[in-house]
Amino acid sequence: MSLKNTLERLFRTSTALSFWGLGCLGAALALVLVLKSLPYSTVRLVPVEASQAALRPTPDFAVGQLSWPVTALAEAPALQPFRETMRATCGDAKGLAAAACATSALAKRTPVGNPATEFVNVDFDPVAHFKRHMAGAPGHCLTRSAILATELLSVGIPARVVQMVPARAKGHTLVEVWDDAMGWTVVDPSTGGYVTGAARRGSAVELLVDPAVIEWRPFGSAPVSTAASEAYRHHFQSLLAGNLLYPEPWLYLRLGKRAAPWPFRGQYARVGPAFLALGPLQELLLWAIPGLALLGLALVAMGWRRSVPASDAAWEKALRPDVRRVGGLDFPQS
């Protein structure tokens, strides 16, 4: 049987057209649910210029379409648990000193391990997440970075989560904190130190330009071997061979308006070459969903248009033979 004959049989009647149209719409909805069930599937990547990520905060700041209202966050009631912990642990410390203090406290309370949830999950609750890890639940770089950035923002210190994603290796999640003396500084709450570039300073975008000169420097007075420092330095150099991603703050704060439009769960500002994209499954779903939805609407519309002449024909057949229909009005035959 030819394709033409098969299609004619499938779409012979208006009812069949409507049935297949509704089926396509249902399939599109099902694919949306599948897409949203994948933790990283609904990430929207938006390229931004490196200069936008290097701007001085006032203390509010933005990276492309993403904004961090630091002044408002410093007074947000929802962040009170973070604020109380920061004040009790680090007092009025600012900038890099505050990040160092909070990082040390995190390292003491949160062992390395896989957490029960991450800020990319649908049901993420920042306060519950924070209390769980302060009580000793394990976590990794995503866990500690989300907590550290939120703690700093809760007391009015400009900070943001940043992800270093190389082209051919696993990425790493860190925090950038604003320090009046050093500018934006990359802090790694997982290794307990910070990364600097030329002239002992450097934001993530500055490190991305010249990774050869970077250094990893530990917090605290505990000695670190030269071999360990070199290993960390080489690790960060490999991470800087790719993209920088800035997740929208709503993901780890769950406050304010989400930047990503539905069905995207989160928007990420991307700095660097456009090699980073969603996986093949996500790309397929993002194309298939609107395609199925449009096809479904078209089939339903075709079915409706075909049903109108059919209903007129049925009406004509039901009329008495001696009655003809003119302009929608019935007149008896004379």
Protein backbone atom coordinates (compact mmCIF):
# COMPACT_ATOMS: atom_id res chain seq x y z
CA MET A 1 0.00 0.00 0.00
CA SER A 2 1.39 3.41 -1.00
CA LEU A 3 1.99 6.21 1.48
CA LYS A 4 -0.69 8.28 -0.23
CA ASN A 5 -3.30 5.55 0.19
CA THR A 6 -2.29 5.03 3.81
CA LEU A 7 -2.66 8.73 4.60
CA GLU A 8 -6.01 8.89 2.82
CA ARG A 9 -7.30 6.01 4.94
CA LEU A 10 -5.98 7.52 8.18
CA PHE A 11 -7.43 10.98 7.48
CA ARG A 12 -10.54 10.02 5.52
CA THR A 13 -13.08 11.63 7.84
CA SER A 14 -13.25 14.78 9.91
CA THR A 15 -13.48 12.62 13.03
CA ALA A 16 -10.23 10.88 12.13
CA LEU A 17 -8.50 14.20 11.53
CA SER A 18 -9.66 15.55 14.87
CA PHE A 19 -8.67 12.31 16.59
CA TRP A 20 -5.13 12.42 15.24
CA GLY A 21 -4.88 16.14 15.97
CA LEU A 22 -5.83 15.67 19.60
CA GLY A 23 -3.41 12.74 19.75
CA CYS A 24 -0.56 14.99 18.58
CA LEU A 25 -1.48 17.64 21.16
CA GLY A 26 -1.55 14.99 23.87
CA ALA A 27 1.84 13.67 22.75
CA ALA A 28 3.28 17.20 22.88
CA LEU A 29 2.00 17.63 26.44
CA ALA A 30 3.46 14.26 27.41
CA LEU A 31 6.85 15.24 25.99
CA VAL A 32 6.75 18.48 27.99
CA LEU A 33 6.31 16.42 31.15
CA VAL A 34 9.19 14.16 30.09
CA LEU A 35 11.38 17.18 29.42
CA LYS A 36 10.61 18.77 32.77
CA SER A 37 11.33 15.53 34.62
CA LEU A 38 15.01 15.68 33.57
CA PRO A 39 17.05 17.83 36.02
CA TYR A 40 19.17 19.70 33.47
CA SER A 41 16.89 19.37 30.47
CA THR A 42 15.10 22.68 30.79
CA VAL A 43 18.15 24.90 30.96
CA ARG A 44 18.08 27.85 28.63
CA LEU A 45 21.56 29.04 27.62
CA VAL A 46 21.82 32.72 26.65
CA PRO A 47 25.19 34.07 25.42
CA VAL A 48 26.46 37.29 27.04
CA GLU A 49 29.56 39.41 26.56
CA ALA A 50 32.36 38.86 29.07
CA SER A 51 32.33 42.59 29.90
CA GLN A 52 28.81 42.25 31.35
CA ALA A 53 30.05 39.74 33.94
CA ALA A 54 32.91 42.04 35.01
CA LEU A 55 30.82 45.10 35.92
CA ARG A 56 31.09 46.52 39.44
CA PRO A 57 27.99 45.92 41.62
CA THR A 58 26.19 48.87 43.22
CA PRO A 59 25.52 46.51 45.22
CA ASP A 60 22.81 45.26 42.81
CA PHE A 61 24.18 43.81 39.58
CA ALA A 62 23.21 41.98 36.42
CA VAL A 63 24.69 39.62 33.86
CA GLY A 64 22.81 39.97 30.61
CA GLN A 65 19.11 39.37 31.30
CA LEU A 66 19.79 38.00 34.79
CA SER A 67 19.71 40.33 37.79
CA TRP A 68 20.72 40.05 41.44
CA PRO A 69 18.78 42.59 43.60
CA VAL A 70 21.29 42.45 46.46
CA THR A 71 19.69 45.32 48.42
CA ALA A 72 16.30 43.61 48.48
CA LEU A 73 17.80 40.18 49.22
CA ALA A 74 19.58 41.60 52.29
CA GLU A 75 16.15 42.28 53.77
CA ALA A 76 14.20 39.30 52.43
CA PRO A 77 12.44 37.45 55.31
CA ALA A 78 12.80 34.12 53.47
CA LEU A 79 16.61 34.35 53.81
CA GLN A 80 16.58 34.98 57.55
CA PRO A 81 18.02 31.52 58.47
CA PHE A 82 21.01 32.20 56.19
CA ARG A 83 21.39 35.72 57.59
CA GLU A 84 21.34 34.56 61.20
CA THR A 85 23.99 31.92 60.54
CA MET A 86 26.24 34.39 58.73
CA ARG A 87 25.97 36.99 61.49
CA ALA A 88 26.56 34.43 64.23
CA THR A 89 29.51 32.82 62.45
CA CYS A 90 31.21 35.65 60.56
CA GLY A 91 29.97 38.85 62.21
CA ASP A 92 30.25 41.87 59.92
CA ALA A 93 32.93 40.42 57.64
CA LYS A 94 32.78 41.60 54.05
CA GLY A 95 33.94 40.41 50.67
CA LEU A 96 36.55 37.68 50.49
CA ALA A 97 36.88 37.55 54.29
CA ALA A 98 33.18 36.73 54.64
CA ALA A 99 33.43 34.08 51.93
CA ALA A 100 36.45 32.52 53.65
CA CYS A 101 34.66 32.42 57.00
CA ALA A 102 31.48 30.90 55.58
CA THR A 103 33.48 28.39 53.52
CA SER A 104 35.32 27.16 56.61
CA ALA A 105 32.04 26.73 58.50
CA LEU A 106 30.55 24.80 55.58
CA ALA A 107 33.55 22.48 55.39
CA LYS A 108 33.18 21.61 59.07
CA ARG A 109 29.47 20.81 58.84
CA THR A 110 28.97 19.42 55.34
CA PRO A 111 30.99 16.33 54.42
CA VAL A 112 31.73 15.53 50.78
CA GLY A 113 29.13 13.27 49.19
CA ASN A 114 26.03 13.15 47.02
CA PRO A 115 23.14 15.28 48.30
CA ALA A 116 19.48 14.29 48.34
CA THR A 117 18.56 17.25 46.12
CA GLU A 118 20.17 20.07 44.12
CA PHE A 119 19.03 23.53 43.13
CA VAL A 120 18.27 22.31 39.60
CA ASN A 121 15.50 20.05 40.93
CA VAL A 122 11.85 21.07 40.74
CA ASP A 123 11.18 20.62 44.46
CA PHE A 124 14.30 22.43 45.69
CA ASP A 125 13.73 24.31 48.98
CA PRO A 126 16.69 26.58 49.89
CA VAL A 127 15.97 26.75 53.63
CA ALA A 128 15.31 23.02 54.04
CA HIS A 129 18.40 22.32 51.95
CA PHE A 130 20.48 24.67 54.13
CA LYS A 131 19.29 23.22 57.44
CA ARG A 132 19.83 19.67 56.24
CA HIS A 133 23.45 20.33 55.30
CA MET A 134 24.16 22.38 58.40
CA ALA A 135 23.06 19.28 60.32
CA GLY A 136 25.64 17.13 58.55
CA ALA A 137 24.07 15.95 55.28
CA PRO A 138 26.70 15.38 52.56
CA GLY A 139 27.06 17.62 49.54
CA HIS A 140 29.28 18.41 46.58
CA CYS A 141 30.32 21.56 44.72
CA LEU A 142 26.79 22.43 43.61
CA THR A 143 25.54 22.10 47.19
CA ARG A 144 28.20 24.21 48.85
CA SER A 145 28.22 26.88 46.15
CA ALA A 146 24.45 27.40 46.35
CA ILE A 147 24.59 27.71 50.15
CA LEU A 148 27.63 30.02 50.15
CA ALA A 149 26.20 32.38 47.52
CA THR A 150 22.86 32.55 49.34
CA GLU A 151 24.54 33.23 52.70
CA LEU A 152 26.55 36.10 51.24
CA LEU A 153 23.56 37.61 49.43
CA SER A 154 21.44 37.36 52.60
CA VAL A 155 23.72 39.90 54.33
CA GLY A 156 24.06 42.21 51.31
CA ILE A 157 27.38 40.96 49.90
CA PRO A 158 27.29 40.68 46.09
CA ALA A 159 27.84 37.05 45.13
CA ARG A 160 26.79 34.61 42.43
CA VAL A 161 27.15 30.96 41.52
CA VAL A 162 29.42 30.36 38.52
CA GLN A 163 30.04 27.09 36.71
CA MET A 164 33.22 26.32 34.77
CA VAL A 165 32.43 23.85 32.02
CA PRO A 166 35.34 22.68 29.82
CA ALA A 167 34.77 21.31 26.33
CA ARG A 168 35.77 17.72 27.05
CA ALA A 169 35.70 17.18 30.80
CA LYS A 170 33.43 17.38 33.82
CA GLY A 171 32.65 20.89 35.04
CA HIS A 172 32.85 22.46 38.49
CA THR A 173 30.60 24.86 40.40
CA LEU A 174 32.04 27.78 42.39
CA VAL A 175 31.10 31.20 43.74
CA GLU A 176 32.18 34.69 42.73
CA VAL A 177 32.14 37.23 45.54
CA TRP A 178 32.73 40.95 45.26
CA ASP A 179 35.65 42.25 47.31
CA ASP A 180 36.32 46.00 47.38
CA ALA A 181 40.07 45.46 47.16
CA MET A 182 40.17 42.57 44.69
CA GLY A 183 36.98 42.97 42.68
CA TRP A 184 35.09 39.85 41.64
CA THR A 185 36.98 36.89 43.10
CA VAL A 186 36.46 33.20 42.42
CA VAL A 187 35.95 31.21 45.62
CA ASP A 188 35.88 27.41 45.69
CA PRO A 189 33.97 26.19 48.76
CA SER A 190 34.86 22.61 47.82
CA THR A 191 38.66 23.01 48.05
CA GLY A 192 38.59 25.72 50.70
CA GLY A 193 40.41 28.39 48.74
CA TYR A 194 40.19 31.01 46.02
CA VAL A 195 41.62 31.46 42.55
CA THR A 196 43.56 34.52 41.40
CA GLY A 197 45.11 35.64 38.15
CA ALA A 198 47.48 38.42 37.22
CA ALA A 199 48.26 40.95 39.97
CA ARG A 200 46.69 38.64 42.58
CA ARG A 201 43.16 39.31 41.36
CA GLY A 202 40.80 38.06 38.74
CA SER A 203 37.15 37.44 38.12
CA ALA A 204 36.08 34.27 36.34
CA VAL A 205 35.96 36.07 32.99
CA GLU A 206 39.49 37.46 33.52
CA LEU A 207 40.76 34.00 34.41
CA LEU A 208 39.10 32.65 31.27
CA VAL A 209 41.19 35.00 29.12
CA ASP A 210 44.55 33.96 30.55
CA PRO A 211 44.36 30.69 32.53
CA ALA A 212 48.13 30.16 32.31
CA VAL A 213 48.84 32.65 35.13
CA ILE A 214 46.24 31.52 37.64
CA GLU A 215 47.00 30.42 41.19
CA TRP A 216 44.93 28.62 43.79
CA ARG A 217 45.37 30.05 47.27
CA PRO A 218 43.97 28.33 50.41
CA PHE A 219 41.94 29.95 53.16
CA GLY A 220 43.18 29.74 56.74
CA SER A 221 46.61 29.15 58.21
CA ALA A 222 46.82 25.38 57.77
CA PRO A 223 49.81 24.50 55.55
CA VAL A 224 49.14 23.11 52.07
CA SER A 225 51.81 21.18 50.21
CA THR A 226 53.28 22.52 47.00
CA ALA A 227 52.10 19.39 45.20
CA ALA A 228 48.51 19.98 46.31
CA SER A 229 48.61 23.64 45.26
CA GLU A 230 49.98 22.66 41.85
CA ALA A 231 47.33 19.99 41.43
CA TYR A 232 44.58 22.53 42.14
CA ARG A 233 46.17 25.05 39.77
CA HIS A 234 46.26 22.55 36.92
CA HIS A 235 42.70 21.52 37.73
CA PHE A 236 41.43 25.06 37.36
CA GLN A 237 43.43 25.63 34.21
CA SER A 238 41.67 22.65 32.63
CA LEU A 239 38.29 23.95 33.79
CA LEU A 240 38.92 27.30 32.09
CA ALA A 241 39.23 25.66 28.67
CA GLY A 242 35.55 26.17 27.91
CA ASN A 243 32.50 28.13 29.04
CA LEU A 244 31.45 30.02 32.11
CA LEU A 245 27.82 29.66 33.11
CA TYR A 246 25.94 31.93 35.51
CA PRO A 247 22.70 30.25 36.69
CA GLU A 248 19.85 32.62 37.31
CA PRO A 249 19.63 33.38 41.05
CA TRP A 250 16.02 32.16 41.25
CA LEU A 251 17.32 28.60 40.98
CA TYR A 252 19.18 28.69 44.30
CA LEU A 253 17.20 31.47 46.04
CA ARG A 254 13.66 30.63 44.85
CA LEU A 255 12.77 34.29 45.31
CA GLY A 256 11.43 36.84 42.88
CA LYS A 257 10.46 36.26 39.28
CA ARG A 258 12.02 33.46 37.28
CA ALA A 259 13.94 34.66 34.23
CA ALA A 260 13.42 31.55 32.10
CA PRO A 261 10.07 31.34 30.28
CA TRP A 262 7.98 28.19 30.57
CA PRO A 263 8.73 25.31 30.03
CA PHE A 264 12.35 26.17 30.81
CA ARG A 265 13.20 25.75 34.48
CA GLY A 266 16.26 27.96 34.56
CA GLN A 267 18.17 30.43 32.45
CA TYR A 268 21.96 30.47 32.36
CA ALA A 269 24.11 33.31 31.06
CA ARG A 270 26.96 31.80 29.01
CA VAL A 271 30.36 33.39 28.52
CA GLY A 272 32.75 31.87 26.01
CA PRO A 273 32.60 30.03 22.68
CA ALA A 274 29.29 28.46 21.74
CA PHE A 275 30.39 24.83 22.02
CA LEU A 276 28.16 24.10 25.00
CA ALA A 277 24.61 23.10 24.18
CA LEU A 278 21.92 20.81 25.49
CA GLY A 279 22.25 17.08 24.98
CA PRO A 280 20.75 15.36 21.90
CA LEU A 281 17.69 14.13 23.80
CA GLN A 282 16.87 17.61 25.06
CA GLU A 283 17.41 19.13 21.60
CA LEU A 284 15.13 16.50 20.06
CA LEU A 285 12.41 17.16 22.62
CA LEU A 286 12.64 20.94 22.20
CA TRP A 287 12.05 20.54 18.47
CA ALA A 288 9.48 17.73 18.72
CA ILE A 289 7.19 19.48 21.25
CA PRO A 290 6.32 22.59 19.16
CA GLY A 291 6.27 20.48 15.99
CA LEU A 292 3.71 18.06 17.39
CA ALA A 293 1.67 20.90 18.87
CA LEU A 294 1.50 22.75 15.53
CA LEU A 295 0.66 19.54 13.65
CA GLY A 296 -2.07 18.74 16.16
CA LEU A 297 -3.65 22.19 15.84
CA ALA A 298 -3.50 21.95 12.04
CA LEU A 299 -5.19 18.54 12.01
CA VAL A 300 -7.91 19.67 14.41
CA ALA A 301 -8.55 22.75 12.23
CA MET A 302 -8.73 20.59 9.08
CA GLY A 303 -11.12 18.21 10.79
CA TRP A 304 -13.36 21.08 11.83
CA ARG A 305 -13.37 22.58 8.32
CA ARG A 306 -14.20 19.22 6.80
CA SER A 307 -17.02 18.64 9.29
CA VAL A 308 -18.86 21.84 8.24
CA PRO A 309 -19.69 20.68 4.66
CA ALA A 310 -20.53 17.22 6.01
CA SER A 311 -23.06 18.69 8.45
CA ASP A 312 -24.57 20.82 5.67
CA ALA A 313 -24.94 17.74 3.48
CA ALA A 314 -26.63 15.84 6.28
CA TRP A 315 -29.00 18.76 6.81
CA GLU A 316 -29.91 18.88 3.15
CA LYS A 317 -30.59 15.16 3.13
CA ALA A 318 -32.89 15.46 6.12
CA LEU A 319 -35.09 18.09 4.44
CA ARG A 320 -38.33 17.06 2.70
CA PRO A 321 -37.97 16.59 -1.06
CA ASP A 322 -40.38 19.45 -1.71
CA VAL A 323 -38.33 21.95 0.31
CA ARG A 324 -35.30 23.66 -1.07
CA ARG A 325 -32.77 25.68 0.96
CA VAL A 326 -31.92 29.20 -0.16
CA GLY A 327 -29.55 31.48 1.70
CA GLY A 328 -30.10 29.62 4.95
CA LEU A 329 -33.92 30.04 4.75
CA ASP A 330 -36.34 27.28 3.72
CA PHE A 331 -39.11 27.99 1.20
CA PRO A 332 -41.74 25.47 0.09
CA GLN A 333 -41.67 24.55 -3.57
CA SER A 334 -44.59 26.16 -5.47
